[in-house]
Amino acid sequence: MDEPLELYSEFFETFAPIFNDIIDRLPALSVDPVDPATMADLVHNGDVRTAFRYLAAPPISEDDLKTLAETTLSASVLMSDPEQANRVRDIVLHIIDPHRFPWVEQGRDPTEHERSQAIVASAAMVAVRKVETSRRLDATKGQERAVKQLLKDIGFLEVASRDIPMLDAAPSPGEFCGESRLGDTRADVVIRLYDRRVLAIECKASNSSVNSFKRVNHEATGKARAWLMAFGQRQTVAAAVITGVFNPANLETAQAEGLALFWSHRLEDLADFIEATRA
């Protein structure tokens, strides 16, 4: 409720003119074969590339588009390879939203009303997703800052982030580092406990019980399994600091798979756990 409407409006106002421009380009996109320069213009800028992906219903992710088109979505690559440019175009137009862009399938120009509706609906879709992402990233960064401050308050020293292929590369007891690669995947905070075990923490925020499965069971628990398998349960503690709305069943499943959980609003529990490792 405290989030400003200005953020949503800012994203909307950024993308509305971009969709207006893309609608002007739709006739050129329908030409076969498509001009590689047209496709290069649609992928060279991040916001324009996002808007292009949002022509689809539902919007196609950048990773999925690259996988299906077997390309890197590089402007220079599409400019020099007409075949890849056509594959990118074909995938998006094949699943273009028939409700926002009904005139494309019908092979005609849009009415002014259709054009206006398409711009508003498309810009709103992107703005909503951008606000959600911003909210999640802000919450996660806030968690990381809170965890680091807690560690400093209880006497831990922050050291430089690093790659940790083996546990002897981790910080020393009483030290921690920010986002670092632990084994084959990254942890938000890596702590060397007093008993010399490594505590790897992921910070996760969720705004719904459905979303909580992805954040905890898929992302955090997946990393926990990898860390515990690579370094062993006797040497490693995998944990998540969580905030927001979570399905209790998902949390119980995560705990059963070896993920320790701490709430952001009760970080004293994390401090108590760390202090207990002195023994």
Protein backbone atom coordinates (compact mmCIF):
# COMPACT_ATOMS: atom_id res chain seq x y z
CA MET A 1 0.00 0.00 0.00
CA ASP A 2 2.97 2.30 0.55
CA GLU A 3 4.33 1.82 -2.96
CA PRO A 4 4.02 5.04 -4.97
CA LEU A 5 1.73 5.14 -7.98
CA GLU A 6 4.48 7.19 -9.60
CA LEU A 7 6.60 4.06 -10.18
CA TYR A 8 3.82 2.33 -12.12
CA SER A 9 3.10 5.53 -14.04
CA GLU A 10 6.78 5.98 -14.84
CA PHE A 11 7.00 2.52 -16.40
CA PHE A 12 3.71 3.04 -18.24
CA GLU A 13 4.85 6.36 -19.70
CA THR A 14 8.15 4.80 -20.76
CA PHE A 15 6.57 1.93 -22.67
CA ALA A 16 3.46 3.56 -24.19
CA PRO A 17 5.44 5.43 -26.88
CA ILE A 18 7.57 2.33 -27.51
CA PHE A 19 4.45 0.28 -28.27
CA ASN A 20 3.16 3.13 -30.43
CA ASP A 21 6.36 2.89 -32.48
CA ILE A 22 6.26 -0.92 -32.66
CA ILE A 23 2.68 -0.84 -33.96
CA ASP A 24 3.96 1.37 -36.81
CA ARG A 25 6.53 -1.34 -37.57
CA LEU A 26 4.08 -4.28 -37.64
CA PRO A 27 3.48 -4.05 -41.43
CA ALA A 28 7.25 -4.27 -42.01
CA LEU A 29 7.42 -7.27 -39.69
CA SER A 30 4.80 -9.07 -41.79
CA VAL A 31 6.92 -8.86 -44.96
CA ASP A 32 8.56 -12.16 -45.85
CA PRO A 33 11.48 -12.33 -45.55
CA VAL A 34 11.72 -9.69 -42.87
CA ASP A 35 14.37 -6.99 -43.26
CA PRO A 36 17.18 -7.90 -40.80
CA ALA A 37 17.60 -4.17 -40.05
CA THR A 38 14.02 -4.08 -38.77
CA MET A 39 14.69 -6.93 -36.35
CA ALA A 40 18.02 -5.44 -35.29
CA ASP A 41 16.21 -2.21 -34.35
CA LEU A 42 13.77 -4.20 -32.21
CA VAL A 43 16.44 -5.94 -30.11
CA HIS A 44 19.28 -3.42 -29.77
CA ASN A 45 17.58 -1.54 -26.89
CA GLY A 46 16.49 -3.33 -23.72
CA ASP A 47 13.11 -1.58 -23.35
CA VAL A 48 12.28 -1.98 -27.05
CA ARG A 49 13.26 -5.66 -26.87
CA THR A 50 10.98 -6.10 -23.85
CA ALA A 51 8.06 -4.44 -25.64
CA PHE A 52 8.62 -6.66 -28.69
CA ARG A 53 8.42 -9.78 -26.50
CA TYR A 54 5.18 -8.45 -24.99
CA LEU A 55 3.45 -8.58 -28.35
CA ALA A 56 2.96 -12.28 -27.61
CA ALA A 57 0.15 -13.82 -25.59
CA PRO A 58 1.30 -14.49 -23.00
CA PRO A 59 4.53 -12.47 -23.22
CA ILE A 60 7.48 -14.69 -24.08
CA SER A 61 10.56 -14.51 -21.88
CA GLU A 62 13.88 -13.46 -23.36
CA ASP A 63 15.43 -16.83 -22.51
CA ASP A 64 12.58 -18.73 -24.18
CA LEU A 65 12.76 -16.55 -27.27
CA LYS A 66 16.51 -17.11 -27.58
CA THR A 67 16.08 -20.85 -27.10
CA LEU A 68 13.27 -21.23 -29.63
CA ALA A 69 14.91 -18.99 -32.20
CA GLU A 70 18.36 -20.47 -31.58
CA THR A 71 19.93 -17.01 -31.43
CA THR A 72 21.47 -14.56 -28.98
CA LEU A 73 19.07 -11.68 -29.79
CA SER A 74 22.12 -9.63 -30.66
CA ALA A 75 21.41 -6.77 -33.07
CA SER A 76 24.65 -7.43 -34.94
CA VAL A 77 23.88 -11.15 -35.26
CA LEU A 78 20.35 -10.58 -36.58
CA MET A 79 21.64 -7.90 -38.94
CA SER A 80 24.17 -10.30 -40.45
CA ASP A 81 22.01 -13.43 -40.43
CA PRO A 82 18.60 -13.04 -42.13
CA GLU A 83 17.63 -16.61 -41.22
CA GLN A 84 17.93 -15.93 -37.50
CA ALA A 85 16.10 -12.62 -37.90
CA ASN A 86 13.21 -14.45 -39.58
CA ARG A 87 13.08 -17.08 -36.84
CA VAL A 88 12.75 -14.42 -34.14
CA ARG A 89 10.04 -12.63 -36.11
CA ASP A 90 8.14 -15.85 -36.85
CA ILE A 91 8.03 -16.97 -33.22
CA VAL A 92 6.60 -13.68 -31.92
CA LEU A 93 4.10 -13.19 -34.73
CA HIS A 94 2.97 -16.81 -34.44
CA ILE A 95 1.78 -16.13 -30.87
CA ILE A 96 0.91 -12.42 -31.17
CA ASP A 97 -2.01 -11.50 -28.92
CA PRO A 98 -5.18 -11.66 -31.06
CA HIS A 99 -7.15 -9.58 -28.55
CA ARG A 100 -4.71 -6.66 -28.40
CA PHE A 101 -3.68 -6.84 -32.07
CA PRO A 102 -6.66 -8.35 -33.95
CA TRP A 103 -5.83 -6.52 -37.19
CA VAL A 104 -2.53 -8.36 -37.68
CA GLU A 105 -4.13 -11.75 -38.29
CA GLN A 106 -6.84 -10.08 -40.37
CA GLY A 107 -4.24 -8.39 -42.59
CA ARG A 108 -5.54 -4.82 -42.25
CA ASP A 109 -4.65 -1.53 -40.59
CA PRO A 110 -5.84 -0.90 -37.02
CA THR A 111 -8.60 1.54 -36.22
CA GLU A 112 -7.66 4.44 -33.97
CA HIS A 113 -9.63 2.81 -31.15
CA GLU A 114 -7.86 -0.53 -31.62
CA ARG A 115 -4.50 1.18 -31.72
CA SER A 116 -5.18 3.14 -28.54
CA GLN A 117 -6.45 0.05 -26.73
CA ALA A 118 -3.41 -1.98 -27.76
CA ILE A 119 -0.99 0.68 -26.53
CA VAL A 120 -2.73 1.10 -23.17
CA ALA A 121 -3.12 -2.63 -22.55
CA SER A 122 0.45 -3.46 -23.57
CA ALA A 123 2.10 -0.64 -21.62
CA ALA A 124 0.04 -1.56 -18.56
CA MET A 125 1.15 -5.21 -18.81
CA VAL A 126 4.81 -4.24 -18.87
CA ALA A 127 4.39 -1.65 -16.10
CA VAL A 128 2.76 -4.17 -13.77
CA ARG A 129 5.54 -6.71 -14.32
CA LYS A 130 8.24 -4.06 -13.87
CA VAL A 131 6.72 -2.89 -10.57
CA GLU A 132 6.50 -6.48 -9.32
CA THR A 133 10.15 -7.10 -10.21
CA SER A 134 11.22 -3.83 -8.62
CA ARG A 135 9.28 -4.68 -5.47
CA ARG A 136 10.91 -8.09 -5.20
CA LEU A 137 14.43 -6.78 -5.86
CA ASP A 138 14.01 -3.95 -3.36
CA ALA A 139 12.77 -6.39 -0.73
CA THR A 140 15.65 -8.79 -1.38
CA LYS A 141 18.27 -6.04 -1.25
CA GLY A 142 16.72 -4.79 1.98
CA GLN A 143 17.00 -8.28 3.45
CA GLU A 144 20.65 -8.54 2.45
CA ARG A 145 21.43 -5.20 4.06
CA ALA A 146 19.61 -6.23 7.25
CA VAL A 147 21.48 -9.56 7.44
CA LYS A 148 24.84 -7.87 6.91
CA GLN A 149 24.07 -5.25 9.56
CA LEU A 150 23.05 -7.96 12.02
CA LEU A 151 26.32 -9.79 11.42
CA LYS A 152 28.31 -6.62 12.00
CA ASP A 153 26.31 -5.89 15.17
CA ILE A 154 27.24 -9.29 16.63
CA GLY A 155 30.93 -8.80 15.83
CA PHE A 156 31.40 -10.38 12.40
CA LEU A 157 33.77 -8.78 9.91
CA GLU A 158 32.71 -8.29 6.28
CA VAL A 159 35.36 -9.38 3.79
CA ALA A 160 35.50 -9.25 0.00
CA SER A 161 33.18 -11.36 -2.12
CA ARG A 162 34.92 -14.23 -3.86
CA ASP A 163 34.55 -17.52 -5.71
CA ILE A 164 34.43 -20.44 -3.28
CA PRO A 165 35.09 -23.64 -5.24
CA MET A 166 36.28 -25.35 -2.03
CA LEU A 167 35.38 -24.46 1.56
CA ASP A 168 38.94 -23.45 2.42
CA ALA A 169 38.35 -20.41 0.17
CA ALA A 170 35.41 -19.26 2.32
CA PRO A 171 35.79 -16.47 4.91
CA SER A 172 37.47 -17.32 8.23
CA PRO A 173 35.43 -17.97 11.40
CA GLY A 174 33.80 -14.71 12.49
CA GLU A 175 33.81 -13.33 8.93
CA PHE A 176 31.26 -13.10 6.12
CA CYS A 177 31.08 -11.94 2.52
CA GLY A 178 28.33 -10.67 0.26
CA GLU A 179 27.07 -12.33 -2.91
CA SER A 180 29.61 -14.96 -3.88
CA ARG A 181 29.78 -18.12 -5.96
CA LEU A 182 29.69 -21.11 -3.62
CA GLY A 183 30.44 -24.22 -5.63
CA ASP A 184 28.48 -23.93 -8.86
CA THR A 185 25.83 -21.41 -7.76
CA ARG A 186 25.66 -18.07 -5.99
CA ALA A 187 24.68 -17.31 -2.40
CA ASP A 188 23.54 -13.87 -1.24
CA VAL A 189 25.61 -14.04 1.96
CA VAL A 190 28.32 -16.56 2.96
CA ILE A 191 29.25 -16.81 6.65
CA ARG A 192 31.92 -18.86 8.38
CA LEU A 193 30.43 -19.90 11.71
CA TYR A 194 32.43 -20.18 14.91
CA ASP A 195 32.45 -24.00 14.59
CA ARG A 196 34.01 -23.57 11.09
CA ARG A 197 30.92 -24.65 9.17
CA VAL A 198 29.88 -22.44 6.25
CA LEU A 199 26.42 -20.89 6.45
CA ALA A 200 25.10 -19.95 2.98
CA ILE A 201 22.08 -17.65 2.99
CA GLU A 202 19.59 -16.83 0.26
CA CYS A 203 17.27 -13.83 0.74
CA LYS A 204 13.77 -14.38 -0.63
CA ALA A 205 10.64 -12.22 -0.78
CA SER A 206 7.23 -13.47 -1.89
CA ASN A 207 3.92 -11.63 -2.28
CA SER A 208 1.71 -14.70 -2.59
CA SER A 209 1.55 -18.31 -1.44
CA VAL A 210 1.72 -19.45 -5.08
CA ASN A 211 4.84 -17.38 -5.71
CA SER A 212 6.42 -18.77 -2.55
CA PHE A 213 6.93 -22.18 -4.17
CA LYS A 214 9.17 -20.65 -6.83
CA ARG A 215 11.12 -18.51 -4.38
CA VAL A 216 11.73 -21.14 -1.68
CA ASN A 217 11.21 -24.63 -3.08
CA HIS A 218 12.55 -24.07 -6.57
CA GLU A 219 15.23 -21.42 -6.09
CA ALA A 220 16.47 -21.59 -2.48
CA THR A 221 15.95 -25.31 -1.90
CA GLY A 222 17.50 -26.12 -5.26
CA LYS A 223 20.65 -24.26 -4.23
CA ALA A 224 20.59 -25.91 -0.80
CA ARG A 225 20.58 -29.37 -2.35
CA ALA A 226 23.52 -28.41 -4.57
CA TRP A 227 25.55 -27.01 -1.65
CA LEU A 228 24.84 -29.93 0.66
CA MET A 229 25.69 -32.44 -2.05
CA ALA A 230 28.90 -30.66 -3.00
CA PHE A 231 30.24 -29.87 0.47
CA GLY A 232 28.35 -32.20 2.84
CA GLN A 233 25.96 -31.62 5.72
CA ARG A 234 28.71 -31.71 8.33
CA GLN A 235 30.45 -28.71 6.78
CA THR A 236 27.60 -26.68 5.30
CA VAL A 237 24.39 -25.06 6.53
CA ALA A 238 21.97 -23.87 3.84
CA ALA A 239 19.48 -21.20 4.90
CA ALA A 240 17.01 -18.66 3.58
CA VAL A 241 15.93 -15.38 5.12
CA ILE A 242 12.34 -14.85 4.01
CA THR A 243 9.78 -12.07 4.06
CA GLY A 244 6.23 -11.76 2.75
CA VAL A 245 3.56 -14.38 2.12
CA PHE A 246 4.46 -18.08 2.07
CA ASN A 247 2.51 -21.33 1.99
CA PRO A 248 3.34 -23.17 5.24
CA ALA A 249 3.35 -26.52 3.41
CA ASN A 250 6.02 -25.22 1.04
CA LEU A 251 8.15 -24.08 3.97
CA GLU A 252 7.83 -27.45 5.70
CA THR A 253 8.91 -29.21 2.52
CA ALA A 254 11.92 -26.90 2.21
CA GLN A 255 12.94 -27.58 5.81
CA ALA A 256 12.62 -31.32 5.28
CA GLU A 257 15.05 -31.03 2.36
CA GLY A 258 17.68 -29.33 4.51
CA LEU A 259 16.92 -25.61 4.19
CA ALA A 260 16.98 -23.65 7.45
CA LEU A 261 14.50 -20.75 7.51
CA PHE A 262 14.70 -17.38 9.26
CA TRP A 263 12.13 -14.58 9.07
CA SER A 264 13.32 -11.07 8.24
CA HIS A 265 11.26 -9.62 11.08
CA ARG A 266 12.89 -12.03 13.54
CA LEU A 267 16.56 -11.86 12.64
CA GLU A 268 17.39 -12.31 16.32
CA ASP A 269 16.72 -16.01 15.66
CA LEU A 270 19.60 -15.98 13.17
CA ALA A 271 21.81 -14.21 15.70
CA ASP A 272 20.93 -16.82 18.35
CA PHE A 273 21.77 -19.64 15.96
CA ILE A 274 25.14 -18.13 15.08
CA GLU A 275 25.98 -17.50 18.72
CA ALA A 276 25.14 -21.11 19.56
CA THR A 277 27.91 -22.30 17.22
CA ARG A 278 30.53 -20.99 19.65
CA ALA A 279 30.09 -24.20 21.62
